[in-house]
């Protein structure tokens, strides 16, 4: 597939990198000279300098012979115009990243329905939703839903005192109809075997029916008390959207924002939350605001360093759970070292949505991890290599495992003897090196 990507900031760069690694021909267009130089050195792609909303520049990029355009600049209007220009020149599918709710409103789907843009992505909306879901399942740091919400994959960080720590997987008593499908340890992903010893600070991924998720988490987590209050550092798009969402579900919210105008805007939008104007990083201020008694501390300013340091500080001062927003991939490994529980990456959320658009086979959903591992939901079409065969008969690559099967409204946690049928939807955990082979198994 030939793809033109407009904008090589964090979202555009990460998307271009992933698509080129998967063998797609990528052309990137960027106006900023420094970003062009960086992308030219780092990407296996043709990188052009120019205005990606210009029909002339798009023609020079070969838009007429391209299959997909992804517009991911920081300006909504540029992204929308680029998509319209690409459509006018015959591109079959377009993707636009937008920030403003004026363009991303499910009640009034302006950009999609009226302008004909095939996929509209709001990374801020996605990030706020991701954090909200994490806070709703005590003991889990992340929850992803698949198969129309019938299957959940939950991420739990094992802590001292958990019955799973220092024991092989085969000896851990997981509830029925659940399965441990993946472990991320010190940034490396693996599919555990029966003799794999689980360690403190391992991130484990459990798949189960949605109705069983709290029981499954309770079997391995040490702290399953509900989140009743949250402190949010940053009242930008993500912070404000999150605060509004938490207000709706009855979680007490305190918002801290250094910018006076943003603080006033947040105070006018929120009905119950307390909004404070402050830097929000000093020990004295955080203790004064009782961060040591707070269930969850969420740092989502526009600066990765601030988010990581503030979350680390909150953890040391006693907050039960800490979450940091991270835009730049190079900062992700620091989160584990600093003791931050959860990182939320808008660039990975956007890339996952775009990859679903271009993947082989019947890919219904993609969730990307910083380690490179992925959770993929795939349909089983007639004629593919897995249809009509038991899992034991399918030569799955090392580093991949089928965690759950959705079939006619029912959820099955399969064993080797279970046969995959055409029409099934399966959820697969796979390390990065096995992704291509997994998709080939499900392609016709």
Protein backbone atom coordinates (compact mmCIF):
# COMPACT_ATOMS: atom_id res chain seq x y z
CA UNK A 1 0.00 0.00 0.00
CA UNK A 2 1.20 3.52 -0.80
CA UNK A 3 0.54 6.01 2.02
CA UNK A 4 1.03 9.77 2.19
CA UNK A 5 1.41 11.17 5.71
CA UNK A 6 1.04 14.91 6.27
CA UNK A 7 2.86 16.03 9.40
CA UNK A 8 5.73 14.21 11.10
CA UNK A 9 5.26 15.29 14.69
CA UNK A 10 4.96 12.53 17.28
CA UNK A 11 1.75 11.02 15.84
CA UNK A 12 2.75 11.31 12.19
CA UNK A 13 6.31 10.15 12.77
CA UNK A 14 5.24 7.13 14.82
CA UNK A 15 2.61 6.15 12.24
CA UNK A 16 5.08 6.51 9.37
CA UNK A 17 7.62 4.41 11.24
CA UNK A 18 5.17 1.58 11.90
CA UNK A 19 3.75 1.54 8.38
CA UNK A 20 7.19 1.51 6.77
CA UNK A 21 8.29 -1.33 9.05
CA UNK A 22 5.30 -3.33 7.82
CA UNK A 23 6.42 -2.92 4.23
CA UNK A 24 4.14 -0.10 3.08
CA UNK A 25 5.53 2.62 0.83
CA UNK A 26 5.40 5.85 2.81
CA UNK A 27 5.78 9.45 1.66
CA UNK A 28 5.82 12.07 4.40
CA UNK A 29 5.13 15.78 3.93
CA UNK A 30 6.17 18.31 6.58
CA UNK A 31 6.55 22.09 6.57
CA UNK A 32 8.92 22.45 9.53
CA UNK A 33 12.54 22.20 8.37
CA UNK A 34 13.85 20.68 11.62
CA UNK A 35 11.20 17.96 11.59
CA UNK A 36 11.95 17.21 7.93
CA UNK A 37 15.63 16.74 8.74
CA UNK A 38 14.88 14.49 11.72
CA UNK A 39 12.36 12.36 9.79
CA UNK A 40 14.70 12.04 6.81
CA UNK A 41 17.39 10.60 9.06
CA UNK A 42 15.13 8.26 11.05
CA UNK A 43 12.44 7.02 8.65
CA UNK A 44 12.59 4.50 5.83
CA UNK A 45 10.43 6.83 3.76
CA UNK A 46 10.57 9.68 1.29
CA UNK A 47 10.29 12.93 3.27
CA UNK A 48 9.32 16.16 1.50
CA UNK A 49 9.21 19.72 2.79
CA UNK A 50 6.02 21.58 1.98
CA UNK A 51 2.46 22.46 2.91
CA UNK A 52 0.53 19.18 3.04
CA UNK A 53 -2.77 20.97 2.45
CA UNK A 54 -1.59 22.23 -0.93
CA UNK A 55 -2.96 20.26 -3.91
CA UNK A 56 0.28 21.01 -5.77
CA UNK A 57 2.46 19.61 -2.97
CA UNK A 58 0.22 16.55 -2.72
CA UNK A 59 0.55 15.95 -6.46
CA UNK A 60 4.33 16.16 -6.10
CA UNK A 61 4.06 13.57 -3.32
CA UNK A 62 2.29 11.22 -5.72
CA UNK A 63 -1.15 11.46 -4.15
CA UNK A 64 -2.89 10.29 -7.34
CA UNK A 65 -1.23 6.88 -7.10
CA UNK A 66 -1.66 6.54 -3.32
CA UNK A 67 -4.15 4.36 -1.42
CA UNK A 68 -4.36 6.32 1.83
CA UNK A 69 -3.67 9.78 3.18
CA UNK A 70 -3.09 10.39 6.90
CA UNK A 71 -3.18 14.04 7.98
CA UNK A 72 -1.62 14.38 11.43
CA UNK A 73 -0.38 17.95 11.79
CA UNK A 74 -1.15 20.02 14.89
CA UNK A 75 -3.70 22.14 13.00
CA UNK A 76 -7.20 20.76 12.47
CA UNK A 77 -7.96 22.87 9.42
CA UNK A 78 -4.77 21.82 7.65
CA UNK A 79 -5.63 18.17 8.26
CA UNK A 80 -9.19 18.56 7.00
CA UNK A 81 -8.14 20.48 3.86
CA UNK A 82 -5.44 17.89 3.13
CA UNK A 83 -8.04 15.12 3.29
CA UNK A 84 -10.43 17.03 1.02
CA UNK A 85 -7.64 17.72 -1.48
CA UNK A 86 -6.63 14.05 -1.45
CA UNK A 87 -10.22 12.90 -2.01
CA UNK A 88 -10.55 15.33 -4.91
CA UNK A 89 -7.50 13.72 -6.50
CA UNK A 90 -8.85 10.19 -6.19
CA UNK A 91 -7.48 8.82 -2.91
CA UNK A 92 -9.79 6.07 -1.69
CA UNK A 93 -9.34 6.54 2.08
CA UNK A 94 -8.36 9.47 4.28
CA UNK A 95 -7.62 9.86 7.99
CA UNK A 96 -7.58 13.17 9.86
CA UNK A 97 -6.32 13.88 13.34
CA UNK A 98 -8.35 16.65 15.00
CA UNK A 99 -8.20 18.41 18.34
CA UNK A 100 -11.31 20.61 18.48
CA UNK A 101 -14.62 19.11 19.56
CA UNK A 102 -16.18 21.24 16.79
CA UNK A 103 -14.85 18.64 14.35
CA UNK A 104 -15.03 15.60 16.62
CA UNK A 105 -18.52 15.27 18.02
CA UNK A 106 -20.34 11.95 17.86
CA UNK A 107 -23.70 13.73 17.96
CA UNK A 108 -22.73 15.89 14.99
CA UNK A 109 -20.14 13.91 12.95
CA UNK A 110 -19.28 16.88 10.75
CA UNK A 111 -15.87 15.82 9.50
CA UNK A 112 -16.87 12.25 8.71
CA UNK A 113 -20.40 12.48 7.37
CA UNK A 114 -20.42 15.90 5.70
CA UNK A 115 -16.82 16.09 4.50
CA UNK A 116 -16.39 12.40 3.67
CA UNK A 117 -13.27 11.82 5.79
CA UNK A 118 -13.13 8.08 6.44
CA UNK A 119 -11.56 8.13 9.90
CA UNK A 120 -11.43 11.06 12.30
CA UNK A 121 -9.11 10.65 15.30
CA UNK A 122 -9.06 12.79 18.42
CA UNK A 123 -6.05 11.68 20.42
CA UNK A 124 -7.21 13.78 23.36
CA UNK A 125 -10.60 12.06 23.46
CA UNK A 126 -8.93 8.66 23.16
CA UNK A 127 -6.45 9.40 25.95
CA UNK A 128 -9.14 10.68 28.32
CA UNK A 129 -11.25 7.58 27.66
CA UNK A 130 -8.22 5.33 28.24
CA UNK A 131 -7.52 6.90 31.63
CA UNK A 132 -11.20 6.81 32.65
CA UNK A 133 -11.41 3.08 31.89
CA UNK A 134 -8.28 2.42 33.95
CA UNK A 135 -9.78 4.15 36.98
CA UNK A 136 -13.04 2.18 36.78
CA UNK A 137 -11.43 -1.22 37.47
CA UNK A 138 -9.58 -1.04 40.83
CA UNK A 139 -6.33 -2.98 40.78
CA UNK A 140 -5.92 -2.76 37.01
CA UNK A 141 -3.82 -0.09 35.35
CA UNK A 142 -5.37 -0.54 31.93
CA UNK A 143 -8.49 -2.14 30.47
CA UNK A 144 -9.07 -2.72 26.75
CA UNK A 145 -12.36 -4.02 25.39
CA UNK A 146 -12.72 -6.19 22.31
CA UNK A 147 -15.46 -8.03 20.40
CA UNK A 148 -18.07 -5.37 20.94
CA UNK A 149 -17.29 -5.10 24.66
CA UNK A 150 -17.75 -8.80 25.47
CA UNK A 151 -14.02 -9.46 26.01
CA UNK A 152 -11.69 -7.46 28.26
CA UNK A 153 -7.91 -7.53 28.39
CA UNK A 154 -6.69 -6.10 31.68
CA UNK A 155 -3.18 -5.03 32.60
CA UNK A 156 -2.12 -5.52 36.22
CA UNK A 157 1.21 -4.59 37.78
CA UNK A 158 2.20 -7.33 40.19
CA UNK A 159 3.26 -6.04 43.59
CA UNK A 160 4.75 -7.62 46.67
CA UNK A 161 2.03 -9.50 48.49
CA UNK A 162 0.28 -10.65 45.32
CA UNK A 163 -0.35 -14.43 45.32
CA UNK A 164 1.18 -14.54 41.82
CA UNK A 165 4.59 -13.09 42.69
CA UNK A 166 7.56 -15.52 42.71
CA UNK A 167 5.38 -18.40 41.51
CA UNK A 168 5.31 -20.18 38.13
CA UNK A 169 2.26 -19.44 36.01
CA UNK A 170 0.95 -23.01 36.28
CA UNK A 171 0.64 -22.65 40.07
CA UNK A 172 -1.27 -19.36 40.03
CA UNK A 173 -5.00 -19.82 40.61
CA UNK A 174 -6.64 -17.72 37.93
CA UNK A 175 -10.46 -17.77 37.81
CA UNK A 176 -12.16 -20.00 35.24
CA UNK A 177 -12.67 -18.48 31.80
CA UNK A 178 -9.58 -16.32 32.10
CA UNK A 179 -6.03 -16.62 30.79
CA UNK A 180 -2.70 -14.84 31.23
CA UNK A 181 -1.57 -14.09 27.69
CA UNK A 182 1.37 -11.73 28.10
CA UNK A 183 4.02 -10.35 30.42
CA UNK A 184 6.02 -7.16 29.99
CA UNK A 185 9.14 -7.18 32.15
CA UNK A 186 11.56 -4.26 32.13
CA UNK A 187 10.17 -3.14 28.78
CA UNK A 188 10.39 -6.56 27.09
CA UNK A 189 7.25 -8.50 26.11
CA UNK A 190 6.88 -12.28 26.26
CA UNK A 191 4.18 -14.92 26.11
CA UNK A 192 4.48 -16.81 29.43
CA UNK A 193 4.71 -20.59 29.66
CA UNK A 194 3.67 -22.79 32.55
CA UNK A 195 7.11 -22.60 34.14
CA UNK A 196 7.52 -18.82 33.74
CA UNK A 197 8.15 -17.30 37.17
CA UNK A 198 6.17 -14.11 37.72
CA UNK A 199 8.00 -11.30 39.46
CA UNK A 200 7.14 -8.15 41.36
CA UNK A 201 6.68 -5.17 38.98
CA UNK A 202 5.80 -7.46 36.05
CA UNK A 203 3.00 -6.07 33.90
CA UNK A 204 0.72 -9.03 33.21
CA UNK A 205 -2.09 -9.13 30.66
CA UNK A 206 -5.19 -11.18 31.46
CA UNK A 207 -8.02 -11.90 29.05
CA UNK A 208 -11.52 -12.70 30.29
CA UNK A 209 -15.22 -12.15 29.73
CA UNK A 210 -16.14 -8.57 30.52
CA UNK A 211 -18.50 -9.58 33.31
CA UNK A 212 -15.66 -11.39 35.11
CA UNK A 213 -13.07 -8.63 34.97
CA UNK A 214 -13.21 -7.56 38.63
CA UNK A 215 -12.93 -11.16 39.84
CA UNK A 216 -9.96 -11.77 37.55
CA UNK A 217 -8.14 -8.64 38.69
CA UNK A 218 -8.89 -9.45 42.33
CA UNK A 219 -7.11 -12.80 41.97
CA UNK A 220 -3.70 -11.15 41.41
CA UNK A 221 -3.95 -7.50 42.51
CA UNK A 222 -3.14 -6.39 46.04
CA UNK A 223 -5.19 -3.16 46.04
CA UNK A 224 -8.71 -3.39 44.67
CA UNK A 225 -10.30 -0.51 46.55
CA UNK A 226 -12.38 1.68 44.22
CA UNK A 227 -11.08 5.05 43.06
CA UNK A 228 -13.23 7.69 44.75
CA UNK A 229 -11.12 10.77 44.07
CA UNK A 230 -8.54 11.92 41.56
CA UNK A 231 -6.12 14.80 41.25
CA UNK A 232 -5.44 15.97 37.68
CA UNK A 233 -2.39 18.06 36.82
CA UNK A 234 -3.07 19.97 33.62
CA UNK A 235 -6.34 21.46 32.36
CA UNK A 236 -5.56 21.23 28.67
CA UNK A 237 -7.69 19.18 26.30
CA UNK A 238 -6.96 15.80 27.90
CA UNK A 239 -7.17 17.04 31.48
CA UNK A 240 -10.46 18.88 30.98
CA UNK A 241 -12.07 16.02 29.04
CA UNK A 242 -10.99 13.60 31.76
CA UNK A 243 -12.27 15.82 34.56
CA UNK A 244 -15.66 16.12 32.85
CA UNK A 245 -15.83 12.36 32.35
CA UNK A 246 -14.93 11.62 35.98
CA UNK A 247 -17.52 14.11 37.22
CA UNK A 248 -20.19 12.23 35.27
CA UNK A 249 -19.41 8.93 37.02
CA UNK A 250 -19.24 10.41 40.52
CA UNK A 251 -15.49 10.53 41.13
CA UNK A 252 -14.39 13.57 43.14
CA UNK A 253 -11.97 15.66 41.06
CA UNK A 254 -9.35 18.28 41.86
CA UNK A 255 -7.69 20.01 38.87
CA UNK A 256 -4.37 21.87 39.05
CA UNK A 257 -3.38 24.23 36.22
CA UNK A 258 -0.55 26.77 36.08
CA UNK A 259 -2.02 28.93 33.28
CA UNK A 260 -4.62 31.43 34.61
CA UNK A 261 -6.75 31.43 31.44
CA UNK A 262 -6.90 27.63 31.29
CA UNK A 263 -7.71 27.45 34.99
CA UNK A 264 -10.59 29.91 34.56
CA UNK A 265 -11.90 28.01 31.54
CA UNK A 266 -11.80 24.70 33.43
CA UNK A 267 -13.59 26.25 36.40
CA UNK A 268 -16.36 27.51 34.11
CA UNK A 269 -16.81 24.10 32.44
CA UNK A 270 -16.73 21.90 35.53
CA UNK A 271 -19.67 21.75 37.91
CA UNK A 272 -18.25 20.09 41.03
CA UNK A 273 -14.49 19.88 40.61
CA UNK A 274 -12.14 22.17 42.54
CA UNK A 275 -9.77 24.02 40.18
CA UNK A 276 -6.50 25.38 41.59
CA UNK A 277 -4.00 27.62 39.84
CA UNK A 278 -0.50 26.41 40.67
CA UNK A 279 2.59 24.70 39.21
CA UNK A 280 1.43 21.55 41.01
CA UNK A 281 4.85 19.96 41.41
CA UNK A 282 6.17 21.17 44.77
CA UNK A 283 6.12 18.80 47.72
CA UNK A 284 4.58 21.40 50.01
CA UNK A 285 1.70 22.21 47.69
CA UNK A 286 0.87 18.56 46.94
CA UNK A 287 0.87 17.63 50.62
CA UNK A 288 -1.27 20.66 51.40
CA UNK A 289 -3.77 19.38 48.83
CA UNK A 290 -3.59 15.90 50.43
CA UNK A 291 -2.00 14.04 47.54
CA UNK A 292 -0.95 11.41 50.10
CA UNK A 293 -4.66 10.61 50.62
CA UNK A 294 -5.56 10.70 46.92
CA UNK A 295 -6.62 7.52 45.14
CA UNK A 296 -5.27 8.56 41.72
CA UNK A 297 -2.88 11.27 40.53
CA UNK A 298 -2.99 11.98 36.78
CA UNK A 299 -0.39 14.25 35.11
CA UNK A 300 -1.45 15.30 31.61
CA UNK A 301 0.24 18.64 30.96
CA UNK A 302 1.77 19.28 27.56
CA UNK A 303 5.26 18.45 28.84
CA UNK A 304 6.38 14.82 29.24
CA UNK A 305 9.11 15.68 31.74
CA UNK A 306 6.69 17.53 33.98
CA UNK A 307 4.22 14.65 33.81
CA UNK A 308 6.80 12.03 34.75
CA UNK A 309 8.37 14.02 37.56
CA UNK A 310 5.01 15.07 39.00
CA UNK A 311 3.71 11.48 38.92
CA UNK A 312 6.92 10.23 40.55
CA UNK A 313 6.59 12.87 43.24
CA UNK A 314 2.95 11.96 43.87
CA UNK A 315 3.88 8.28 44.16
CA UNK A 316 6.59 9.01 46.70
CA UNK A 317 4.22 11.18 48.70
CA UNK A 318 1.67 8.41 48.95
CA UNK A 319 -0.84 8.55 46.08
CA UNK A 320 -2.26 5.06 45.49
CA UNK A 321 -2.08 5.19 41.69
CA UNK A 322 -0.12 7.45 39.34
CA UNK A 323 -0.71 8.07 35.63
CA UNK A 324 1.40 10.15 33.25
CA UNK A 325 0.70 11.24 29.70
CA UNK A 326 3.71 10.71 27.42
CA UNK A 327 3.94 11.92 23.84
CA UNK A 328 7.57 11.08 23.10
CA UNK A 329 8.56 7.43 22.92
CA UNK A 330 12.03 7.95 24.36
CA UNK A 331 10.54 8.91 27.73
CA UNK A 332 8.48 5.70 28.10
CA UNK A 333 11.30 3.58 29.66
CA UNK A 334 11.76 6.22 32.38
CA UNK A 335 8.25 5.67 33.72
CA UNK A 336 9.06 2.20 35.04
CA UNK A 337 12.31 3.41 36.64
CA UNK A 338 10.48 6.32 38.29
CA UNK A 339 7.74 4.09 39.70
CA UNK A 340 4.92 5.58 37.59
CA UNK A 341 2.11 3.03 37.35
CA UNK A 342 0.53 3.90 34.02
CA UNK A 343 1.61 5.82 30.95
CA UNK A 344 -0.90 6.94 28.33
CA UNK A 345 0.47 7.64 24.88
CA UNK A 346 -1.69 9.60 22.41
CA UNK A 347 0.69 8.68 19.59
CA UNK A 348 0.23 4.94 20.21
CA UNK A 349 -3.54 5.30 20.48
CA UNK A 350 -3.62 7.11 17.14
CA UNK A 351 -1.25 4.65 15.49
CA UNK A 352 -3.38 1.73 16.68
CA UNK A 353 -6.49 3.24 15.10
CA UNK A 354 -4.66 3.89 11.82
CA UNK A 355 -3.07 0.43 11.71
CA UNK A 356 -6.51 -1.14 11.89
CA UNK A 357 -7.24 0.77 8.71
CA UNK A 358 -4.37 -0.71 6.73
CA UNK A 359 -3.75 -4.15 8.18
CA UNK A 360 -4.17 -7.39 6.23
CA UNK A 361 -6.98 -9.76 7.17
CA UNK A 362 -10.11 -8.77 9.04
CA UNK A 363 -8.52 -6.65 11.77
CA UNK A 364 -11.23 -5.23 14.02
CA UNK A 365 -9.06 -3.58 16.68
CA UNK A 366 -5.41 -2.97 17.53
CA UNK A 367 -3.92 -1.97 20.88
CA UNK A 368 -0.21 -1.11 20.90
CA UNK A 369 2.13 -1.38 23.89
CA UNK A 370 5.31 0.64 24.39
CA UNK A 371 7.22 -2.65 24.35
CA UNK A 372 6.13 -3.22 20.74
CA UNK A 373 3.71 -6.01 21.67
CA UNK A 374 0.15 -5.79 20.41
CA UNK A 375 -3.33 -7.00 21.24
CA UNK A 376 -5.15 -7.61 17.96
CA UNK A 377 -8.75 -8.58 17.33
CA UNK A 378 -9.13 -10.46 14.05
CA UNK A 379 -12.08 -11.97 12.26
CA UNK A 380 -11.77 -15.54 10.95
CA UNK A 381 -12.77 -15.43 7.26
CA UNK A 382 -13.59 -18.48 5.15
CA UNK A 383 -10.55 -19.89 3.45
CA UNK A 384 -7.93 -18.52 5.84
CA UNK A 385 -5.27 -20.85 7.24
CA UNK A 386 -6.80 -21.10 10.71
CA UNK A 387 -10.45 -21.68 9.77
CA UNK A 388 -11.67 -25.19 10.57
CA UNK A 389 -8.51 -26.14 12.46
CA UNK A 390 -7.87 -26.60 16.15
CA UNK A 391 -5.43 -24.24 17.81
CA UNK A 392 -3.05 -27.15 18.37
CA UNK A 393 -2.96 -27.73 14.60
CA UNK A 394 -2.21 -24.11 13.75
CA UNK A 395 1.47 -23.26 13.56
CA UNK A 396 1.31 -20.02 15.53
CA UNK A 397 4.64 -18.18 15.67
CA UNK A 398 6.57 -18.08 18.91
CA UNK A 399 5.49 -15.04 20.86
CA UNK A 400 1.80 -15.16 19.87
CA UNK A 401 -1.20 -16.68 21.61
CA UNK A 402 -4.98 -16.68 21.10
CA UNK A 403 -6.49 -15.41 24.33
CA UNK A 404 -10.22 -15.47 23.60
CA UNK A 405 -12.78 -16.30 20.92
CA UNK A 406 -16.09 -14.49 20.43
CA UNK A 407 -18.65 -16.76 18.74
CA UNK A 408 -22.35 -16.02 18.23
CA UNK A 409 -22.59 -13.81 21.31
CA UNK A 410 -20.59 -16.16 23.54
CA UNK A 411 -17.02 -15.83 24.78
CA UNK A 412 -14.67 -18.83 24.84
CA UNK A 413 -11.26 -18.95 26.53
CA UNK A 414 -9.83 -21.63 24.24
CA UNK A 415 -7.58 -24.63 24.76
CA UNK A 416 -5.49 -26.38 22.16
CA UNK A 417 -8.37 -28.64 21.19
CA UNK A 418 -10.80 -25.85 20.31
CA UNK A 419 -11.48 -25.33 16.60
CA UNK A 420 -11.64 -21.87 15.08
CA UNK A 421 -14.65 -21.37 12.81
CA UNK A 422 -15.31 -18.93 10.00
CA UNK A 423 -17.16 -15.97 11.51
CA UNK A 424 -15.35 -16.14 14.86
CA UNK A 425 -13.56 -13.10 16.24
CA UNK A 426 -10.35 -13.85 18.12
CA UNK A 427 -8.17 -11.73 20.40
CA UNK A 428 -4.45 -12.39 19.99
CA UNK A 429 -1.53 -11.21 22.11
CA UNK A 430 1.63 -11.03 20.00
CA UNK A 431 5.14 -9.68 20.36
CA UNK A 432 6.29 -7.29 17.64
CA UNK A 433 8.35 -9.86 15.69
CA UNK A 434 5.35 -12.18 15.26
CA UNK A 435 2.77 -9.64 14.05
CA UNK A 436 3.23 -10.24 10.32
CA UNK A 437 2.94 -14.01 10.60
CA UNK A 438 -0.18 -13.75 12.79
CA UNK A 439 -1.88 -11.56 10.18
CA UNK A 440 -0.92 -13.94 7.39
CA UNK A 441 -2.63 -16.78 9.26
CA UNK A 442 -5.92 -14.87 9.21
CA UNK A 443 -5.66 -13.44 5.69
CA UNK A 444 -7.39 -15.05 2.69
